[in-house]
Amino acid sequence: MVSVRVFTADDLLRLPDDGWRYELVRGGLRKMAPAGKHHGVLAVRVTWRLAQYVEAHSLGDVCAAETGFRLSSAPDTVLAPDVAFISRQRLSEVGREVEGYWPGAPDLVVEVISPSDTYTEVDTKVLKWLAGGARMVVVINPRTKRVAVYRSPTDVTILGDRDVLDGQDVVPGWTMALADLFAGPASESAES
């Protein structure tokens, strides 16, 4: 008989730094390669603009990549988006100082597709975020210079590089021109 170890969120928190990134899906570790430069540049462009706006308007907290969110327990699922926003309302309901991983999904999730991601994996992750309580999931595809905005599994808007990403009722008033996101040397590289 082969036994497979089921990991918990606490086990994930205590993993030693071995140079890899990990997420936890139904108790199983998912090992991921570190993101490349292009991926990091796109993620920070969103993070920087979003964080400035959120802070200036006291809307909540913006979390950087690798922040874990516990979407389910027993078995545990902990995912880490590239960018996350938690509204002031949810912070007051749960508490600003949470030990370990945030319980549930953030209000806004931003995922940048990496070369190692398959579209099926990305779709599955979007569904997990939405089921976990995310109000909006934004998926940035550097290969096609397209952005998909999910409000539900069936409410999806596809934006091109000439469109504007809008925070809608999740981050009221925040917008970002996708030309700014995809501009410059970072978007000219094939490496993500």
N, C-alpha and C. Protein backbone atom coordinates (compact mmCIF):
# COMPACT_ATOMS: atom_id res chain seq x y z
N MET A 1 0.85 -1.19 0.00
CA MET A 1 0.00 0.00 0.00
C MET A 1 0.89 1.24 0.00
N VAL A 2 0.58 2.17 -0.88
CA VAL A 2 1.32 3.42 -0.97
C VAL A 2 0.51 4.49 -0.24
N SER A 3 1.17 5.17 0.70
CA SER A 3 0.47 6.25 1.38
C SER A 3 0.97 7.59 0.83
N VAL A 4 0.05 8.48 0.66
CA VAL A 4 0.36 9.81 0.17
C VAL A 4 0.14 10.78 1.32
N ARG A 5 1.14 11.59 1.60
CA ARG A 5 1.03 12.54 2.70
C ARG A 5 0.07 13.66 2.33
N VAL A 6 -0.83 13.95 3.25
CA VAL A 6 -1.73 15.08 3.10
C VAL A 6 -1.15 16.22 3.93
N PHE A 7 -0.87 17.33 3.26
CA PHE A 7 -0.30 18.49 3.93
C PHE A 7 -1.42 19.42 4.39
N THR A 8 -1.13 20.16 5.44
CA THR A 8 -2.06 21.17 5.95
C THR A 8 -1.50 22.56 5.64
N ALA A 9 -2.33 23.56 5.85
CA ALA A 9 -1.88 24.94 5.67
C ALA A 9 -0.72 25.24 6.61
N ASP A 10 -0.77 24.71 7.84
CA ASP A 10 0.33 24.91 8.79
C ASP A 10 1.62 24.26 8.30
N ASP A 11 1.52 23.08 7.69
CA ASP A 11 2.70 22.43 7.11
C ASP A 11 3.30 23.31 6.01
N LEU A 12 2.44 23.88 5.19
CA LEU A 12 2.90 24.74 4.10
C LEU A 12 3.64 25.96 4.64
N LEU A 13 3.11 26.55 5.70
CA LEU A 13 3.77 27.71 6.31
C LEU A 13 5.17 27.39 6.80
N ARG A 14 5.37 26.15 7.25
CA ARG A 14 6.66 25.76 7.83
C ARG A 14 7.64 25.14 6.84
N LEU A 15 7.27 25.05 5.57
CA LEU A 15 8.20 24.48 4.58
C LEU A 15 9.46 25.33 4.51
N PRO A 16 10.62 24.69 4.44
CA PRO A 16 11.86 25.47 4.28
C PRO A 16 11.93 26.08 2.89
N ASP A 17 12.65 27.19 2.77
CA ASP A 17 12.82 27.85 1.48
C ASP A 17 13.82 27.05 0.66
N ASP A 18 13.32 26.39 -0.39
CA ASP A 18 14.20 25.59 -1.25
C ASP A 18 14.30 26.17 -2.65
N GLY A 19 13.85 27.44 -2.81
CA GLY A 19 13.94 28.09 -4.11
C GLY A 19 12.73 27.88 -4.99
N TRP A 20 11.79 27.03 -4.57
CA TRP A 20 10.58 26.79 -5.33
C TRP A 20 9.42 27.51 -4.65
N ARG A 21 8.33 27.70 -5.40
CA ARG A 21 7.10 28.22 -4.84
C ARG A 21 6.13 27.05 -4.72
N TYR A 22 5.29 27.09 -3.71
CA TYR A 22 4.33 26.02 -3.50
C TYR A 22 2.94 26.58 -3.24
N GLU A 23 1.95 25.86 -3.69
CA GLU A 23 0.57 26.07 -3.30
C GLU A 23 0.06 24.72 -2.80
N LEU A 24 -1.05 24.76 -2.12
CA LEU A 24 -1.63 23.55 -1.56
C LEU A 24 -3.01 23.37 -2.17
N VAL A 25 -3.24 22.22 -2.81
CA VAL A 25 -4.54 21.95 -3.42
C VAL A 25 -5.07 20.64 -2.86
N ARG A 26 -6.13 20.77 -2.06
CA ARG A 26 -6.77 19.62 -1.38
C ARG A 26 -5.74 18.75 -0.67
N GLY A 27 -4.82 19.39 0.04
CA GLY A 27 -3.82 18.69 0.83
C GLY A 27 -2.59 18.25 0.07
N GLY A 28 -2.55 18.47 -1.23
CA GLY A 28 -1.39 18.09 -2.04
C GLY A 28 -0.55 19.30 -2.40
N LEU A 29 0.76 19.17 -2.26
CA LEU A 29 1.65 20.27 -2.62
C LEU A 29 1.74 20.41 -4.13
N ARG A 30 1.66 21.63 -4.61
CA ARG A 30 1.85 21.93 -6.03
C ARG A 30 3.11 22.78 -6.13
N LYS A 31 4.14 22.21 -6.73
CA LYS A 31 5.43 22.86 -6.87
C LYS A 31 5.45 23.68 -8.16
N MET A 32 5.91 24.94 -8.05
CA MET A 32 5.93 25.82 -9.21
C MET A 32 7.30 26.47 -9.33
N ALA A 33 7.73 26.63 -10.56
CA ALA A 33 9.00 27.32 -10.79
C ALA A 33 8.85 28.80 -10.43
N PRO A 34 9.92 29.44 -9.99
CA PRO A 34 9.85 30.88 -9.77
C PRO A 34 9.47 31.59 -11.07
N ALA A 35 8.74 32.67 -10.94
CA ALA A 35 8.30 33.41 -12.12
C ALA A 35 9.48 34.09 -12.79
N GLY A 36 9.37 34.27 -14.09
CA GLY A 36 10.42 34.97 -14.85
C GLY A 36 10.26 36.47 -14.77
N LYS A 37 11.20 37.17 -15.37
CA LYS A 37 11.24 38.63 -15.30
C LYS A 37 9.99 39.28 -15.89
N HIS A 38 9.59 38.87 -17.07
CA HIS A 38 8.43 39.48 -17.73
C HIS A 38 7.19 39.36 -16.85
N HIS A 39 6.98 38.19 -16.29
CA HIS A 39 5.86 37.94 -15.37
C HIS A 39 5.93 38.91 -14.20
N GLY A 40 7.10 39.05 -13.61
CA GLY A 40 7.29 39.94 -12.47
C GLY A 40 7.04 41.40 -12.80
N VAL A 41 7.48 41.83 -13.97
CA VAL A 41 7.27 43.22 -14.39
C VAL A 41 5.78 43.51 -14.54
N LEU A 42 5.03 42.61 -15.17
CA LEU A 42 3.59 42.81 -15.34
C LEU A 42 2.88 42.83 -13.99
N ALA A 43 3.25 41.90 -13.11
CA ALA A 43 2.61 41.85 -11.79
C ALA A 43 2.89 43.12 -10.99
N VAL A 44 4.11 43.63 -11.05
CA VAL A 44 4.42 44.83 -10.26
C VAL A 44 3.77 46.07 -10.86
N ARG A 45 3.58 46.11 -12.17
CA ARG A 45 2.88 47.25 -12.77
C ARG A 45 1.45 47.35 -12.24
N VAL A 46 0.78 46.21 -12.12
CA VAL A 46 -0.57 46.21 -11.55
C VAL A 46 -0.50 46.53 -10.06
N THR A 47 0.40 45.85 -9.34
CA THR A 47 0.51 46.04 -7.89
C THR A 47 0.76 47.50 -7.55
N TRP A 48 1.72 48.11 -8.22
CA TRP A 48 2.11 49.49 -7.92
C TRP A 48 0.93 50.45 -8.11
N ARG A 49 0.25 50.35 -9.26
CA ARG A 49 -0.87 51.25 -9.54
C ARG A 49 -2.05 50.99 -8.59
N LEU A 50 -2.35 49.73 -8.36
CA LEU A 50 -3.46 49.38 -7.48
C LEU A 50 -3.17 49.80 -6.04
N ALA A 51 -1.98 49.51 -5.56
CA ALA A 51 -1.63 49.84 -4.17
C ALA A 51 -1.67 51.35 -3.92
N GLN A 52 -1.17 52.13 -4.86
CA GLN A 52 -1.22 53.59 -4.71
C GLN A 52 -2.66 54.08 -4.60
N TYR A 53 -3.52 53.58 -5.46
CA TYR A 53 -4.92 54.01 -5.47
C TYR A 53 -5.63 53.58 -4.18
N VAL A 54 -5.45 52.32 -3.81
CA VAL A 54 -6.12 51.78 -2.61
C VAL A 54 -5.67 52.55 -1.37
N GLU A 55 -4.38 52.82 -1.26
CA GLU A 55 -3.89 53.55 -0.09
C GLU A 55 -4.41 54.99 -0.08
N ALA A 56 -4.39 55.66 -1.21
CA ALA A 56 -4.84 57.05 -1.29
C ALA A 56 -6.32 57.20 -0.93
N HIS A 57 -7.10 56.14 -1.16
CA HIS A 57 -8.54 56.20 -0.91
C HIS A 57 -8.97 55.35 0.29
N SER A 58 -8.00 54.83 1.05
CA SER A 58 -8.28 54.02 2.25
C SER A 58 -9.31 52.93 1.98
N LEU A 59 -9.06 52.15 0.93
CA LEU A 59 -10.02 51.13 0.52
C LEU A 59 -9.75 49.75 1.11
N GLY A 60 -8.55 49.51 1.64
CA GLY A 60 -8.22 48.19 2.18
C GLY A 60 -6.74 47.91 2.04
N ASP A 61 -6.40 46.67 1.79
CA ASP A 61 -5.00 46.24 1.66
C ASP A 61 -4.75 45.60 0.30
N VAL A 62 -3.57 45.86 -0.26
CA VAL A 62 -3.11 45.18 -1.46
C VAL A 62 -1.97 44.27 -1.03
N CYS A 63 -2.04 43.01 -1.44
CA CYS A 63 -1.03 42.03 -1.07
C CYS A 63 -0.21 41.65 -2.29
N ALA A 64 1.09 41.53 -2.07
CA ALA A 64 2.01 41.17 -3.15
C ALA A 64 1.93 39.67 -3.44
N ALA A 65 2.59 39.30 -4.52
CA ALA A 65 2.67 37.89 -4.91
C ALA A 65 3.18 37.05 -3.74
N GLU A 66 2.76 35.84 -3.73
CA GLU A 66 3.16 34.84 -2.73
C GLU A 66 2.40 34.96 -1.42
N THR A 67 1.44 35.87 -1.30
CA THR A 67 0.60 35.91 -0.11
C THR A 67 -0.42 34.79 -0.24
N GLY A 68 -0.49 33.93 0.76
CA GLY A 68 -1.37 32.78 0.72
C GLY A 68 -2.77 33.07 1.21
N PHE A 69 -3.74 32.48 0.54
CA PHE A 69 -5.15 32.58 0.92
C PHE A 69 -5.71 31.17 1.06
N ARG A 70 -6.26 30.87 2.24
CA ARG A 70 -6.78 29.53 2.53
C ARG A 70 -8.22 29.46 2.06
N LEU A 71 -8.43 28.73 0.97
CA LEU A 71 -9.75 28.66 0.37
C LEU A 71 -10.63 27.55 0.91
N SER A 72 -10.01 26.50 1.46
CA SER A 72 -10.79 25.42 2.05
C SER A 72 -9.93 24.69 3.07
N SER A 73 -10.62 23.94 3.92
CA SER A 73 -9.94 23.18 4.99
C SER A 73 -10.37 21.72 4.95
N ALA A 74 -9.46 20.87 5.43
CA ALA A 74 -9.70 19.43 5.64
C ALA A 74 -10.27 18.73 4.41
N PRO A 75 -9.54 18.58 3.33
CA PRO A 75 -8.13 18.95 3.14
C PRO A 75 -8.00 20.43 2.76
N ASP A 76 -6.85 20.98 3.11
CA ASP A 76 -6.59 22.40 2.92
C ASP A 76 -6.22 22.73 1.48
N THR A 77 -6.71 23.90 1.04
CA THR A 77 -6.29 24.48 -0.22
C THR A 77 -5.82 25.90 0.06
N VAL A 78 -4.57 26.19 -0.28
CA VAL A 78 -3.98 27.52 -0.11
C VAL A 78 -3.39 27.94 -1.45
N LEU A 79 -3.91 29.02 -2.00
CA LEU A 79 -3.40 29.54 -3.26
C LEU A 79 -2.78 30.92 -3.03
N ALA A 80 -1.87 31.30 -3.93
CA ALA A 80 -1.19 32.59 -3.83
C ALA A 80 -1.25 33.30 -5.17
N PRO A 81 -2.07 34.35 -5.27
CA PRO A 81 -2.16 35.07 -6.55
C PRO A 81 -0.97 35.99 -6.75
N ASP A 82 -0.87 36.54 -7.94
CA ASP A 82 0.21 37.49 -8.22
C ASP A 82 -0.06 38.84 -7.56
N VAL A 83 -1.32 39.22 -7.46
CA VAL A 83 -1.73 40.46 -6.79
C VAL A 83 -3.09 40.17 -6.15
N ALA A 84 -3.31 40.74 -4.96
CA ALA A 84 -4.60 40.57 -4.29
C ALA A 84 -5.01 41.86 -3.60
N PHE A 85 -6.31 42.09 -3.55
CA PHE A 85 -6.88 43.22 -2.83
C PHE A 85 -7.93 42.71 -1.87
N ILE A 86 -7.83 43.15 -0.61
CA ILE A 86 -8.84 42.84 0.41
C ILE A 86 -9.47 44.16 0.83
N SER A 87 -10.79 44.23 0.71
CA SER A 87 -11.49 45.47 1.01
C SER A 87 -11.46 45.80 2.51
N ARG A 88 -11.61 47.07 2.79
CA ARG A 88 -11.66 47.55 4.18
C ARG A 88 -12.78 46.85 4.95
N GLN A 89 -13.92 46.62 4.30
CA GLN A 89 -15.04 45.93 4.95
C GLN A 89 -14.65 44.51 5.38
N ARG A 90 -14.01 43.77 4.48
CA ARG A 90 -13.62 42.39 4.84
C ARG A 90 -12.52 42.39 5.88
N LEU A 91 -11.63 43.38 5.83
CA LEU A 91 -10.60 43.49 6.87
C LEU A 91 -11.23 43.71 8.24
N SER A 92 -12.28 44.52 8.31
CA SER A 92 -12.92 44.77 9.60
C SER A 92 -13.71 43.54 10.07
N GLU A 93 -14.26 42.76 9.14
CA GLU A 93 -15.01 41.55 9.51
C GLU A 93 -14.08 40.45 10.02
N VAL A 94 -12.95 40.26 9.36
CA VAL A 94 -12.03 39.17 9.70
C VAL A 94 -10.96 39.62 10.69
N GLY A 95 -10.53 40.86 10.56
CA GLY A 95 -9.44 41.37 11.39
C GLY A 95 -8.21 41.59 10.52
N ARG A 96 -7.57 42.70 10.73
CA ARG A 96 -6.42 43.07 9.90
C ARG A 96 -5.22 42.17 10.16
N GLU A 97 -5.01 41.80 11.39
CA GLU A 97 -3.85 40.98 11.76
C GLU A 97 -4.24 39.52 11.86
N VAL A 98 -4.13 38.81 10.77
CA VAL A 98 -4.45 37.39 10.72
C VAL A 98 -3.15 36.61 10.81
N GLU A 99 -3.10 35.63 11.69
CA GLU A 99 -1.93 34.74 11.77
C GLU A 99 -2.01 33.73 10.64
N GLY A 100 -0.91 33.53 9.95
CA GLY A 100 -0.89 32.55 8.86
C GLY A 100 -1.58 33.09 7.63
N TYR A 101 -2.32 32.23 6.95
CA TYR A 101 -2.95 32.58 5.68
C TYR A 101 -4.30 33.24 5.92
N TRP A 102 -4.65 34.16 5.03
CA TRP A 102 -5.95 34.83 5.10
C TRP A 102 -7.04 33.79 4.88
N PRO A 103 -8.09 33.79 5.71
CA PRO A 103 -9.18 32.82 5.55
C PRO A 103 -10.14 33.23 4.44
N GLY A 104 -10.12 32.54 3.34
CA GLY A 104 -10.97 32.85 2.20
C GLY A 104 -10.18 33.58 1.13
N ALA A 105 -10.90 33.92 0.08
CA ALA A 105 -10.28 34.60 -1.06
C ALA A 105 -10.27 36.11 -0.84
N PRO A 106 -9.35 36.80 -1.47
CA PRO A 106 -9.42 38.27 -1.46
C PRO A 106 -10.59 38.72 -2.34
N ASP A 107 -10.93 40.01 -2.25
CA ASP A 107 -12.01 40.54 -3.10
C ASP A 107 -11.59 40.53 -4.57
N LEU A 108 -10.34 40.93 -4.83
CA LEU A 108 -9.81 40.99 -6.19
C LEU A 108 -8.56 40.12 -6.26
N VAL A 109 -8.52 39.28 -7.28
CA VAL A 109 -7.35 38.42 -7.56
C VAL A 109 -6.84 38.79 -8.94
N VAL A 110 -5.52 38.94 -9.05
CA VAL A 110 -4.89 39.14 -10.35
C VAL A 110 -3.88 38.01 -10.55
N GLU A 111 -4.03 37.30 -11.65
CA GLU A 111 -3.11 36.22 -12.03
C GLU A 111 -2.47 36.58 -13.36
N VAL A 112 -1.15 36.44 -13.44
CA VAL A 112 -0.42 36.62 -14.70
C VAL A 112 -0.04 35.22 -15.18
N ILE A 113 -0.44 34.87 -16.38
CA ILE A 113 -0.15 33.54 -16.91
C ILE A 113 1.35 33.42 -17.16
N SER A 114 1.94 32.35 -16.63
CA SER A 114 3.37 32.05 -16.81
C SER A 114 3.54 31.04 -17.94
N PRO A 115 4.75 30.95 -18.49
CA PRO A 115 4.98 29.95 -19.55
C PRO A 115 4.70 28.53 -19.08
N SER A 116 4.85 28.25 -17.79
CA SER A 116 4.63 26.90 -17.28
C SER A 116 3.16 26.61 -17.00
N ASP A 117 2.30 27.63 -17.05
CA ASP A 117 0.87 27.43 -16.80
C ASP A 117 0.17 26.91 -18.06
N THR A 118 -0.73 25.96 -17.87
CA THR A 118 -1.61 25.56 -18.97
C THR A 118 -2.91 26.35 -18.80
N TYR A 119 -3.63 26.52 -19.90
CA TYR A 119 -4.89 27.24 -19.81
C TYR A 119 -5.88 26.49 -18.92
N THR A 120 -5.83 25.17 -18.92
CA THR A 120 -6.71 24.38 -18.05
C THR A 120 -6.40 24.67 -16.59
N GLU A 121 -5.11 24.73 -16.24
CA GLU A 121 -4.73 25.05 -14.86
C GLU A 121 -5.22 26.43 -14.46
N VAL A 122 -5.09 27.39 -15.36
CA VAL A 122 -5.53 28.75 -15.07
C VAL A 122 -7.05 28.78 -14.88
N ASP A 123 -7.79 28.12 -15.77
CA ASP A 123 -9.25 28.07 -15.64
C ASP A 123 -9.67 27.44 -14.31
N THR A 124 -9.00 26.36 -13.94
CA THR A 124 -9.30 25.69 -12.67
C THR A 124 -9.05 26.61 -11.49
N LYS A 125 -7.94 27.35 -11.55
CA LYS A 125 -7.60 28.28 -10.48
C LYS A 125 -8.63 29.41 -10.39
N VAL A 126 -9.06 29.93 -11.52
CA VAL A 126 -10.09 30.98 -11.53
C VAL A 126 -11.35 30.48 -10.83
N LEU A 127 -11.78 29.27 -11.16
CA LEU A 127 -12.98 28.71 -10.53
C LEU A 127 -12.81 28.54 -9.03
N LYS A 128 -11.61 28.14 -8.59
CA LYS A 128 -11.34 28.02 -7.15
C LYS A 128 -11.43 29.38 -6.47
N TRP A 129 -10.85 30.42 -7.08
CA TRP A 129 -10.92 31.76 -6.51
C TRP A 129 -12.37 32.22 -6.38
N LEU A 130 -13.15 32.05 -7.44
CA LEU A 130 -14.54 32.48 -7.41
C LEU A 130 -15.34 31.70 -6.38
N ALA A 131 -15.15 30.38 -6.32
CA ALA A 131 -15.86 29.56 -5.34
C ALA A 131 -15.44 29.93 -3.91
N GLY A 132 -14.20 30.40 -3.75
CA GLY A 132 -13.70 30.78 -2.43
C GLY A 132 -14.15 32.16 -1.98
N GLY A 133 -14.84 32.90 -2.87
CA GLY A 133 -15.38 34.19 -2.47
C GLY A 133 -14.80 35.40 -3.16
N ALA A 134 -13.88 35.23 -4.11
CA ALA A 134 -13.36 36.39 -4.84
C ALA A 134 -14.50 37.03 -5.62
N ARG A 135 -14.55 38.35 -5.60
CA ARG A 135 -15.60 39.09 -6.31
C ARG A 135 -15.20 39.39 -7.74
N MET A 136 -13.88 39.40 -8.01
CA MET A 136 -13.38 39.64 -9.36
C MET A 136 -12.03 38.94 -9.50
N VAL A 137 -11.85 38.24 -10.62
CA VAL A 137 -10.57 37.61 -10.92
C VAL A 137 -10.11 38.14 -12.28
N VAL A 138 -8.90 38.69 -12.31
CA VAL A 138 -8.33 39.25 -13.53
C VAL A 138 -7.17 38.35 -13.95
N VAL A 139 -7.23 37.85 -15.18
CA VAL A 139 -6.17 36.98 -15.71
C VAL A 139 -5.48 37.71 -16.85
N ILE A 140 -4.19 37.96 -16.67
CA ILE A 140 -3.39 38.67 -17.67
C ILE A 140 -2.64 37.64 -18.51
N ASN A 141 -2.83 37.71 -19.81
CA ASN A 141 -2.14 36.80 -20.72
C ASN A 141 -1.09 37.60 -21.50
N PRO A 142 0.19 37.49 -21.10
CA PRO A 142 1.24 38.25 -21.78
C PRO A 142 1.44 37.83 -23.24
N ARG A 143 1.14 36.58 -23.56
CA ARG A 143 1.35 36.07 -24.92
C ARG A 143 0.42 36.76 -25.92
N THR A 144 -0.85 36.93 -25.52
CA THR A 144 -1.85 37.50 -26.43
C THR A 144 -2.13 38.98 -26.16
N LYS A 145 -1.55 39.51 -25.07
CA LYS A 145 -1.83 40.88 -24.63
C LYS A 145 -3.33 41.08 -24.45
N ARG A 146 -3.94 40.10 -23.82
CA ARG A 146 -5.36 40.13 -23.49
C ARG A 146 -5.52 39.98 -21.98
N VAL A 147 -6.61 40.50 -21.47
CA VAL A 147 -6.94 40.38 -20.06
C VAL A 147 -8.37 39.87 -19.96
N ALA A 148 -8.59 38.82 -19.18
CA ALA A 148 -9.93 38.30 -18.94
C ALA A 148 -10.35 38.72 -17.54
N VAL A 149 -11.54 39.30 -17.44
CA VAL A 149 -12.09 39.74 -16.16
C VAL A 149 -13.29 38.86 -15.84
N TYR A 150 -13.16 38.08 -14.76
CA TYR A 150 -14.21 37.16 -14.34
C TYR A 150 -14.96 37.74 -13.15
N ARG A 151 -16.28 37.82 -13.25
CA ARG A 151 -17.12 38.17 -12.11
C ARG A 151 -17.84 36.92 -11.61
N SER A 152 -17.96 35.92 -12.46
CA SER A 152 -18.51 34.61 -12.14
C SER A 152 -18.00 33.67 -13.23
N PRO A 153 -18.27 32.38 -13.11
CA PRO A 153 -17.81 31.48 -14.17
C PRO A 153 -18.42 31.80 -15.54
N THR A 154 -19.56 32.48 -15.57
CA THR A 154 -20.22 32.79 -16.84
C THR A 154 -20.18 34.28 -17.20
N ASP A 155 -19.76 35.12 -16.28
CA ASP A 155 -19.67 36.56 -16.53
C ASP A 155 -18.20 36.91 -16.74
N VAL A 156 -17.77 36.87 -18.01
CA VAL A 156 -16.37 37.06 -18.37
C VAL A 156 -16.28 38.13 -19.45
N THR A 157 -15.37 39.09 -19.23
CA THR A 157 -15.13 40.13 -20.21
C THR A 157 -13.68 40.03 -20.67
N ILE A 158 -13.46 40.02 -21.98
CA ILE A 158 -12.11 39.95 -22.53
C ILE A 158 -11.72 41.35 -23.00
N LEU A 159 -10.57 41.83 -22.53
CA LEU A 159 -10.07 43.15 -22.89
C LEU A 159 -8.80 43.02 -23.71
N GLY A 160 -8.62 43.93 -24.66
CA GLY A 160 -7.40 43.98 -25.46
C GLY A 160 -6.48 45.08 -24.98
N ASP A 161 -5.33 45.19 -25.61
CA ASP A 161 -4.30 46.13 -25.15
C ASP A 161 -4.68 47.60 -25.34
N ARG A 162 -5.81 47.88 -26.00
CA ARG A 162 -6.27 49.27 -26.15
C ARG A 162 -7.41 49.59 -25.18
N ASP A 163 -7.80 48.60 -24.38
CA ASP A 163 -8.91 48.78 -23.43
C ASP A 163 -8.39 49.25 -22.08
N VAL A 164 -9.35 49.50 -21.18
CA VAL A 164 -9.03 49.94 -19.82
C VAL A 164 -9.63 48.95 -18.83
N LEU A 165 -8.80 48.46 -17.92
CA LEU A 165 -9.25 47.60 -16.84
C LEU A 165 -9.92 48.49 -15.80
N ASP A 166 -11.10 48.11 -15.35
CA ASP A 166 -11.89 48.91 -14.41
C ASP A 166 -12.15 48.08 -13.15
N GLY A 167 -11.89 48.68 -11.99
CA GLY A 167 -12.12 47.99 -10.72
C GLY A 167 -13.58 47.82 -10.37
N GLN A 168 -14.47 48.39 -11.15
CA GLN A 168 -15.92 48.28 -10.99
C GLN A 168 -16.31 48.53 -9.53
N ASP A 169 -17.20 47.72 -8.98
CA ASP A 169 -17.63 47.91 -7.59
C ASP A 169 -16.69 47.24 -6.60
N VAL A 170 -15.69 46.52 -7.08
CA VAL A 170 -14.74 45.84 -6.19
C VAL A 170 -13.67 46.82 -5.71
N VAL A 171 -13.13 47.62 -6.63
CA VAL A 171 -12.19 48.70 -6.29
C VAL A 171 -12.73 49.95 -6.99
N PRO A 172 -13.75 50.57 -6.40
CA PRO A 172 -14.44 51.68 -7.06
C PRO A 172 -13.50 52.81 -7.47
N GLY A 173 -13.60 53.20 -8.74
CA GLY A 173 -12.82 54.32 -9.25
C GLY A 173 -11.46 53.97 -9.79
N TRP A 174 -10.96 52.78 -9.52
CA TRP A 174 -9.63 52.40 -9.99
C TRP A 174 -9.70 51.92 -11.43
N THR A 175 -8.83 52.45 -12.28
CA THR A 175 -8.72 51.99 -13.66
C THR A 175 -7.24 51.89 -14.03
N MET A 176 -6.99 51.09 -15.04
CA MET A 176 -5.63 50.96 -15.55
C MET A 176 -5.69 50.71 -17.05
N ALA A 177 -5.06 51.59 -17.81
CA ALA A 177 -5.00 51.40 -19.27
C ALA A 177 -4.10 50.20 -19.56
N LEU A 178 -4.61 49.27 -20.34
CA LEU A 178 -3.81 48.08 -20.65
C LEU A 178 -2.63 48.41 -21.55
N ALA A 179 -2.70 49.53 -22.25
CA ALA A 179 -1.52 49.98 -23.01
C ALA A 179 -0.37 50.24 -22.06
N ASP A 180 -0.66 50.76 -20.86
CA ASP A 180 0.39 50.98 -19.85
C ASP A 180 0.92 49.66 -19.30
N LEU A 181 0.02 48.71 -19.11
CA LEU A 181 0.43 47.40 -18.61
C LEU A 181 1.39 46.71 -19.58
N PHE A 182 1.03 46.72 -20.86
CA PHE A 182 1.80 45.97 -21.86
C PHE A 182 2.87 46.80 -22.56
N ALA A 183 3.07 48.06 -22.14
CA ALA A 183 4.04 48.95 -22.80
C ALA A 183 5.47 48.61 -22.43
N GLY A 184 6.38 49.03 -23.30
CA GLY A 184 7.80 48.99 -22.97
C GLY A 184 8.50 47.69 -23.25
N PRO A 185 9.77 47.67 -22.90
CA PRO A 185 10.64 46.52 -23.20
C PRO A 185 10.15 45.22 -22.60
N ALA A 186 9.49 45.28 -21.44
CA ALA A 186 9.06 44.03 -20.80
C ALA A 186 8.09 43.25 -21.68
N SER A 187 7.21 43.97 -22.39
CA SER A 187 6.23 43.28 -23.22
C SER A 187 6.83 42.78 -24.53
N GLU A 188 7.99 43.25 -24.88
CA GLU A 188 8.62 42.81 -26.12
C GLU A 188 9.36 41.49 -25.95
N SER A 189 9.58 41.10 -24.71
CA SER A 189 10.29 39.85 -24.44
C SER A 189 9.35 38.67 -24.55
N ALA A 190 9.84 37.56 -25.05
CA ALA A 190 9.04 36.34 -25.11
C ALA A 190 9.05 35.63 -23.77
N GLU A 191 9.98 35.95 -22.91
CA GLU A 191 10.12 35.28 -21.62
C GLU A 191 9.13 35.86 -20.64
N SER A 192 8.38 35.03 -19.96
CA SER A 192 7.44 35.48 -18.93
C SER A 192 7.93 35.02 -17.61
